[in-house]
Protein backbone atom coordinates (compact mmCIF):
# COMPACT_ATOMS: atom_id res chain seq x y z
CA MET A 1 26.02 51.91 -21.15
CA ASN A 2 28.66 50.07 -20.59
CA ARG A 3 29.90 46.16 -19.33
CA PHE A 4 30.17 47.73 -15.39
CA VAL A 5 27.18 50.67 -15.59
CA ASP A 6 23.29 50.42 -16.73
CA VAL A 7 21.21 53.21 -17.33
CA GLY A 8 17.43 52.74 -18.21
CA PRO A 9 13.68 53.93 -17.51
CA PHE A 10 10.87 52.26 -15.56
CA VAL A 11 7.50 52.95 -14.85
CA ASP A 12 6.15 51.29 -11.68
CA ALA A 13 1.97 51.24 -11.17
CA GLY A 14 -0.52 50.08 -8.58
CA ALA A 15 -3.33 50.72 -6.00
CA VAL A 16 -3.98 50.54 -2.53
CA ALA A 17 -7.73 50.01 -1.32
CA ALA A 18 -9.09 48.73 2.18
CA SER A 19 -10.42 45.57 0.69
CA PRO A 20 -10.14 43.84 -2.72
CA GLY A 21 -13.54 44.40 -3.60
CA LYS A 22 -12.61 48.30 -3.48
CA LEU A 23 -10.17 47.99 -5.98
CA SER A 24 -10.73 49.85 -9.31
CA ALA A 25 -8.58 50.78 -12.74
CA ARG A 26 -9.28 54.29 -11.53
CA ASN A 27 -7.64 54.30 -8.63
CA VAL A 28 -3.88 53.16 -10.13
CA ARG A 29 -1.32 55.22 -10.03
CA ALA A 30 2.04 55.06 -11.68
CA THR A 31 5.51 56.59 -11.08
CA LEU A 32 7.97 57.33 -13.76
CA GLY A 33 11.54 56.64 -12.89
CA LEU A 34 15.64 55.94 -14.23
CA ARG A 35 17.49 53.52 -12.48
CA GLY A 36 21.15 53.16 -12.53
CA ALA A 37 23.57 49.98 -11.76
CA VAL A 38 26.97 49.39 -11.43
CA ARG A 39 28.11 45.72 -11.91
CA CYS A 40 30.92 43.41 -11.87
CA ARG A 41 30.56 40.42 -14.34
CA SER A 42 26.75 39.12 -13.82
CA ARG A 43 26.52 40.54 -9.91
CA VAL A 44 24.92 44.04 -9.52
CA LEU A 45 27.30 45.52 -6.94
CA PHE A 46 25.03 48.84 -6.22
CA HIS A 47 22.14 50.59 -7.99
CA VAL A 48 20.39 54.10 -8.06
CA ASP A 49 16.36 54.28 -8.15
CA TRP A 50 14.70 57.71 -9.01
CA GLY A 51 11.14 58.19 -8.97
CA ARG A 52 8.64 61.28 -9.19
CA SER A 53 4.76 60.62 -9.05
CA ARG A 54 2.61 63.27 -8.01
CA GLU A 55 3.19 62.56 -4.61
CA GLY A 56 6.62 63.42 -5.00
CA GLN A 57 10.30 62.02 -5.81
CA ARG A 58 12.04 58.92 -4.38
CA LEU A 59 15.56 58.25 -4.36
CA THR A 60 16.39 54.37 -3.18
CA LEU A 61 19.64 53.22 -2.81
CA GLY A 62 20.30 49.15 -3.01
CA SER A 63 22.66 46.14 -4.00
CA GLY A 64 21.91 42.68 -4.90
CA VAL A 65 19.73 41.05 -7.26
CA LEU A 66 17.38 43.70 -9.88
CA PHE A 67 14.47 41.94 -11.37
């Protein structure tokens, strides 16, 4: 949005299984979300992530390095 605020969409995907042999592409679940971050120069001061999947919604707050 500007040099102090970043906003962007994200997709997170993964699967859980009892053992590596039981992992399957059919078990992969995806989450769509939105991230907002407040930064000063190149440092992230604060970020908010909101994601929504079949299991529900989650809001995560944090600070530090964004990947």
